[in-house]
Amino acid sequence: MWIAADDDAVADIVGDQGPDALTVDAQTFADRLSRRRGALKPALMDQAVIAGLGNLLSDEICWQARITPTRRLTDLEPDEVRRLHTTMRRVLRTSVRHERVPGLPRWLTGVRDDPDPHCPRCGTALRRGHSSGRTTLWCPNCQRR
């Protein structure tokens, strides 16, 4: 636990934070992603880009938006960025209602800990990999791009 005397002290402790993922508008979201290179998932998890997204939320957002987490940011089309923003807001609102990232049966998080996880949408065996040192799950059928 850190105790901060004022806003400047808080900034010194937590470092550079991007806008809150739940309240960021679509244009700011697109602008923040457009300034980055590399893959989608590490950018989503980077708190300096967008604050509040972790490993589970990032996988869920990518899966629900049907975009592979390894997709290069420079390859994203404007409609895909809009879809990511809309999906992020929907996933976050649902998570807030549940007070956690829910393991809903129709969500990726509902099957990610299964011994042999399959996509809740199409039934395809999910793939596992690593991104930014974290386990990443995606559906090779639903998240082709």
C-alpha atoms as a PDB file:
ATOM      1  CA  MET A   1       0.000   0.000   0.000  1.00  0.00           C
ATOM      2  CA  TRP A   2       1.228   3.465  -0.883  1.00  0.00           C
ATOM      3  CA  ILE A   3       0.020   6.670   0.696  1.00  0.00           C
ATOM      4  CA  ALA A   4       0.115   9.751  -1.486  1.00  0.00           C
ATOM      5  CA  ALA A   5      -0.172  13.309  -0.234  1.00  0.00           C
ATOM      6  CA  ASP A   6      -1.578  14.765  -3.470  1.00  0.00           C
ATOM      7  CA  ASP A   7      -2.252  14.094  -7.161  1.00  0.00           C
ATOM      8  CA  ASP A   8       1.403  14.647  -8.091  1.00  0.00           C
ATOM      9  CA  ALA A   9       2.474  12.023  -5.569  1.00  0.00           C
ATOM     10  CA  VAL A  10      -0.111   9.590  -6.971  1.00  0.00           C
ATOM     11  CA  ALA A  11       1.296  10.149 -10.468  1.00  0.00           C
ATOM     12  CA  ASP A  12       4.802   9.448  -9.178  1.00  0.00           C
ATOM     13  CA  ILE A  13       3.649   6.159  -7.621  1.00  0.00           C
ATOM     14  CA  VAL A  14       1.470   4.716 -10.388  1.00  0.00           C
ATOM     15  CA  GLY A  15       3.352   6.143 -13.354  1.00  0.00           C
ATOM     16  CA  ASP A  16       1.921   7.213 -16.676  1.00  0.00           C
ATOM     17  CA  GLN A  17      -1.658   5.979 -17.077  1.00  0.00           C
ATOM     18  CA  GLY A  18      -3.773   6.135 -20.170  1.00  0.00           C
ATOM     19  CA  PRO A  19      -7.465   6.965 -20.088  1.00  0.00           C
ATOM     20  CA  ASP A  20      -9.766   4.616 -18.200  1.00  0.00           C
ATOM     21  CA  ALA A  21     -10.950   1.797 -20.475  1.00  0.00           C
ATOM     22  CA  LEU A  22     -14.548   2.076 -19.298  1.00  0.00           C
ATOM     23  CA  THR A  23     -14.867   5.779 -20.084  1.00  0.00           C
ATOM     24  CA  VAL A  24     -12.538   6.338 -23.046  1.00  0.00           C
ATOM     25  CA  ASP A  25     -14.357   7.559 -26.155  1.00  0.00           C
ATOM     26  CA  ALA A  26     -13.980   5.887 -29.546  1.00  0.00           C
ATOM     27  CA  GLN A  27     -11.778   8.593 -31.082  1.00  0.00           C
ATOM     28  CA  THR A  28      -9.338   8.668 -28.156  1.00  0.00           C
ATOM     29  CA  PHE A  29      -9.208   4.853 -28.186  1.00  0.00           C
ATOM     30  CA  ALA A  30      -8.383   4.857 -31.910  1.00  0.00           C
ATOM     31  CA  ASP A  31      -5.789   7.629 -31.462  1.00  0.00           C
ATOM     32  CA  ARG A  32      -4.071   5.783 -28.592  1.00  0.00           C
ATOM     33  CA  LEU A  33      -3.831   2.545 -30.601  1.00  0.00           C
ATOM     34  CA  SER A  34      -2.656   4.349 -33.744  1.00  0.00           C
ATOM     35  CA  ARG A  35       0.421   5.649 -31.895  1.00  0.00           C
ATOM     36  CA  ARG A  36       1.618   2.111 -31.208  1.00  0.00           C
ATOM     37  CA  ARG A  37       3.347  -0.575 -33.202  1.00  0.00           C
ATOM     38  CA  GLY A  38       3.344  -4.274 -32.534  1.00  0.00           C
ATOM     39  CA  ALA A  39       0.532  -6.659 -31.643  1.00  0.00           C
ATOM     40  CA  LEU A  40      -2.948  -5.834 -30.389  1.00  0.00           C
ATOM     41  CA  LYS A  41      -3.011  -7.644 -27.044  1.00  0.00           C
ATOM     42  CA  PRO A  42       0.152  -6.080 -25.565  1.00  0.00           C
ATOM     43  CA  ALA A  43      -1.200  -2.628 -26.508  1.00  0.00           C
ATOM     44  CA  LEU A  44      -4.525  -3.350 -24.812  1.00  0.00           C
ATOM     45  CA  MET A  45      -2.755  -4.501 -21.643  1.00  0.00           C
ATOM     46  CA  ASP A  46      -0.354  -1.533 -21.584  1.00  0.00           C
ATOM     47  CA  GLN A  47      -1.705   0.715 -18.819  1.00  0.00           C
ATOM     48  CA  ALA A  48      -0.019   3.742 -20.400  1.00  0.00           C
ATOM     49  CA  VAL A  49      -2.167   3.226 -23.516  1.00  0.00           C
ATOM     50  CA  ILE A  50      -5.524   2.326 -21.920  1.00  0.00           C
ATOM     51  CA  ALA A  51      -5.826   1.877 -18.156  1.00  0.00           C
ATOM     52  CA  GLY A  52      -7.761  -1.023 -16.671  1.00  0.00           C
ATOM     53  CA  LEU A  53      -7.372  -3.939 -19.062  1.00  0.00           C
ATOM     54  CA  GLY A  54      -5.549  -7.065 -17.992  1.00  0.00           C
ATOM     55  CA  ASN A  55      -4.907 -10.472 -19.487  1.00  0.00           C
ATOM     56  CA  LEU A  56      -8.393 -11.998 -19.186  1.00  0.00           C
ATOM     57  CA  LEU A  57     -10.224  -8.875 -20.344  1.00  0.00           C
ATOM     58  CA  SER A  58      -7.895  -8.421 -23.321  1.00  0.00           C
ATOM     59  CA  ASP A  59      -8.410 -12.022 -24.472  1.00  0.00           C
ATOM     60  CA  GLU A  60     -12.176 -11.702 -24.021  1.00  0.00           C
ATOM     61  CA  ILE A  61     -12.337  -8.421 -25.939  1.00  0.00           C
ATOM     62  CA  CYS A  62     -10.289  -9.814 -28.831  1.00  0.00           C
ATOM     63  CA  TRP A  63     -12.394 -13.003 -28.930  1.00  0.00           C
ATOM     64  CA  GLN A  64     -15.732 -11.182 -28.830  1.00  0.00           C
ATOM     65  CA  ALA A  65     -14.506  -8.724 -31.484  1.00  0.00           C
ATOM     66  CA  ARG A  66     -13.296 -11.690 -33.602  1.00  0.00           C
ATOM     67  CA  ILE A  67      -9.763 -10.312 -33.938  1.00  0.00           C
ATOM     68  CA  THR A  68      -6.696 -12.382 -33.122  1.00  0.00           C
ATOM     69  CA  PRO A  69      -4.679 -11.002 -30.190  1.00  0.00           C
ATOM     70  CA  THR A  70      -1.479 -11.241 -32.246  1.00  0.00           C
ATOM     71  CA  ARG A  71      -2.836  -8.977 -34.990  1.00  0.00           C
ATOM     72  CA  ARG A  72      -0.516  -6.092 -35.813  1.00  0.00           C
ATOM     73  CA  LEU A  73      -1.980  -2.723 -34.861  1.00  0.00           C
ATOM     74  CA  THR A  74      -0.897  -1.214 -38.169  1.00  0.00           C
ATOM     75  CA  ASP A  75      -3.033  -3.831 -39.982  1.00  0.00           C
ATOM     76  CA  LEU A  76      -6.279  -2.967 -38.181  1.00  0.00           C
ATOM     77  CA  GLU A  77      -8.978  -1.395 -40.330  1.00  0.00           C
ATOM     78  CA  PRO A  78     -10.962   1.569 -38.904  1.00  0.00           C
ATOM     79  CA  ASP A  79     -14.101  -0.590 -38.606  1.00  0.00           C
ATOM     80  CA  GLU A  80     -12.128  -3.167 -36.593  1.00  0.00           C
ATOM     81  CA  VAL A  81     -10.906  -0.474 -34.191  1.00  0.00           C
ATOM     82  CA  ARG A  82     -14.499   0.733 -33.763  1.00  0.00           C
ATOM     83  CA  ARG A  83     -15.600  -2.865 -33.150  1.00  0.00           C
ATOM     84  CA  LEU A  84     -12.848  -3.311 -30.554  1.00  0.00           C
ATOM     85  CA  HIS A  85     -13.954  -0.162 -28.742  1.00  0.00           C
ATOM     86  CA  THR A  86     -17.621  -1.174 -28.738  1.00  0.00           C
ATOM     87  CA  THR A  87     -16.747  -4.692 -27.594  1.00  0.00           C
ATOM     88  CA  MET A  88     -14.421  -3.399 -24.869  1.00  0.00           C
ATOM     89  CA  ARG A  89     -17.167  -1.215 -23.422  1.00  0.00           C
ATOM     90  CA  ARG A  90     -19.704  -4.070 -23.498  1.00  0.00           C
ATOM     91  CA  VAL A  91     -17.284  -6.552 -21.872  1.00  0.00           C
ATOM     92  CA  LEU A  92     -16.334  -4.033 -19.187  1.00  0.00           C
ATOM     93  CA  ARG A  93     -19.947  -3.140 -18.365  1.00  0.00           C
ATOM     94  CA  THR A  94     -20.780  -6.840 -17.973  1.00  0.00           C
ATOM     95  CA  SER A  95     -17.673  -7.396 -15.836  1.00  0.00           C
ATOM     96  CA  VAL A  96     -18.572  -4.465 -13.583  1.00  0.00           C
ATOM     97  CA  ARG A  97     -22.082  -5.876 -13.090  1.00  0.00           C
ATOM     98  CA  HIS A  98     -20.534  -9.215 -12.062  1.00  0.00           C
ATOM     99  CA  GLU A  99     -17.830  -7.455  -9.996  1.00  0.00           C
ATOM    100  CA  ARG A 100     -15.169  -9.519 -11.797  1.00  0.00           C
ATOM    101  CA  VAL A 101     -14.370 -10.947 -15.219  1.00  0.00           C
ATOM    102  CA  PRO A 102     -17.200 -13.466 -15.368  1.00  0.00           C
ATOM    103  CA  GLY A 103     -16.727 -17.057 -16.453  1.00  0.00           C
ATOM    104  CA  LEU A 104     -19.955 -17.025 -18.431  1.00  0.00           C
ATOM    105  CA  PRO A 105     -20.617 -20.131 -20.563  1.00  0.00           C
ATOM    106  CA  ARG A 106     -20.911 -18.014 -23.731  1.00  0.00           C
ATOM    107  CA  TRP A 107     -17.625 -16.205 -23.011  1.00  0.00           C
ATOM    108  CA  LEU A 108     -14.048 -17.267 -23.667  1.00  0.00           C
ATOM    109  CA  THR A 109     -13.342 -16.851 -19.951  1.00  0.00           C
ATOM    110  CA  GLY A 110     -15.976 -19.509 -19.268  1.00  0.00           C
ATOM    111  CA  VAL A 111     -13.855 -22.183 -20.939  1.00  0.00           C
ATOM    112  CA  ARG A 112     -10.270 -20.934 -20.666  1.00  0.00           C
ATOM    113  CA  ASP A 113      -9.415 -23.149 -17.678  1.00  0.00           C
ATOM    114  CA  ASP A 114     -10.879 -26.312 -19.208  1.00  0.00           C
ATOM    115  CA  PRO A 115      -8.274 -29.051 -19.827  1.00  0.00           C
ATOM    116  CA  ASP A 116      -9.145 -29.046 -23.545  1.00  0.00           C
ATOM    117  CA  PRO A 117     -10.931 -25.728 -24.161  1.00  0.00           C
ATOM    118  CA  HIS A 118     -13.147 -25.240 -27.191  1.00  0.00           C
ATOM    119  CA  CYS A 119     -14.649 -22.046 -28.581  1.00  0.00           C
ATOM    120  CA  PRO A 120     -18.061 -21.348 -27.028  1.00  0.00           C
ATOM    121  CA  ARG A 121     -19.153 -19.837 -30.345  1.00  0.00           C
ATOM    122  CA  CYS A 122     -18.099 -22.427 -32.946  1.00  0.00           C
ATOM    123  CA  GLY A 123     -16.712 -25.425 -31.014  1.00  0.00           C
ATOM    124  CA  THR A 124     -13.208 -25.259 -32.524  1.00  0.00           C
ATOM    125  CA  ALA A 125     -10.325 -26.251 -30.234  1.00  0.00           C
ATOM    126  CA  LEU A 126      -8.775 -23.078 -28.828  1.00  0.00           C
ATOM    127  CA  ARG A 127      -5.104 -22.268 -29.322  1.00  0.00           C
ATOM    128  CA  ARG A 128      -2.800 -21.203 -26.514  1.00  0.00           C
ATOM    129  CA  GLY A 129       0.213 -18.982 -26.822  1.00  0.00           C
ATOM    130  CA  HIS A 130       2.049 -16.262 -24.949  1.00  0.00           C
ATOM    131  CA  SER A 131       1.891 -12.521 -25.327  1.00  0.00           C
ATOM    132  CA  SER A 132       3.843 -10.147 -23.101  1.00  0.00           C
ATOM    133  CA  GLY A 133       4.682 -13.096 -20.848  1.00  0.00           C
ATOM    134  CA  ARG A 134       1.003 -13.983 -20.332  1.00  0.00           C
ATOM    135  CA  THR A 135      -1.006 -16.958 -21.553  1.00  0.00           C
ATOM    136  CA  THR A 136      -3.201 -16.049 -24.495  1.00  0.00           C
ATOM    137  CA  LEU A 137      -6.181 -18.011 -25.804  1.00  0.00           C
ATOM    138  CA  TRP A 138      -7.868 -17.536 -29.156  1.00  0.00           C
ATOM    139  CA  CYS A 139     -10.063 -19.358 -31.633  1.00  0.00           C
ATOM    140  CA  PRO A 140      -8.267 -20.053 -34.928  1.00  0.00           C
ATOM    141  CA  ASN A 141     -11.648 -20.219 -36.672  1.00  0.00           C
ATOM    142  CA  CYS A 142     -13.434 -17.165 -35.271  1.00  0.00           C
ATOM    143  CA  GLN A 143     -10.338 -14.960 -34.951  1.00  0.00           C
ATOM    144  CA  ARG A 144      -8.647 -15.487 -38.301  1.00  0.00           C
ATOM    145  CA  ARG A 145      -7.502 -11.884 -38.710  1.00  0.00           C
END
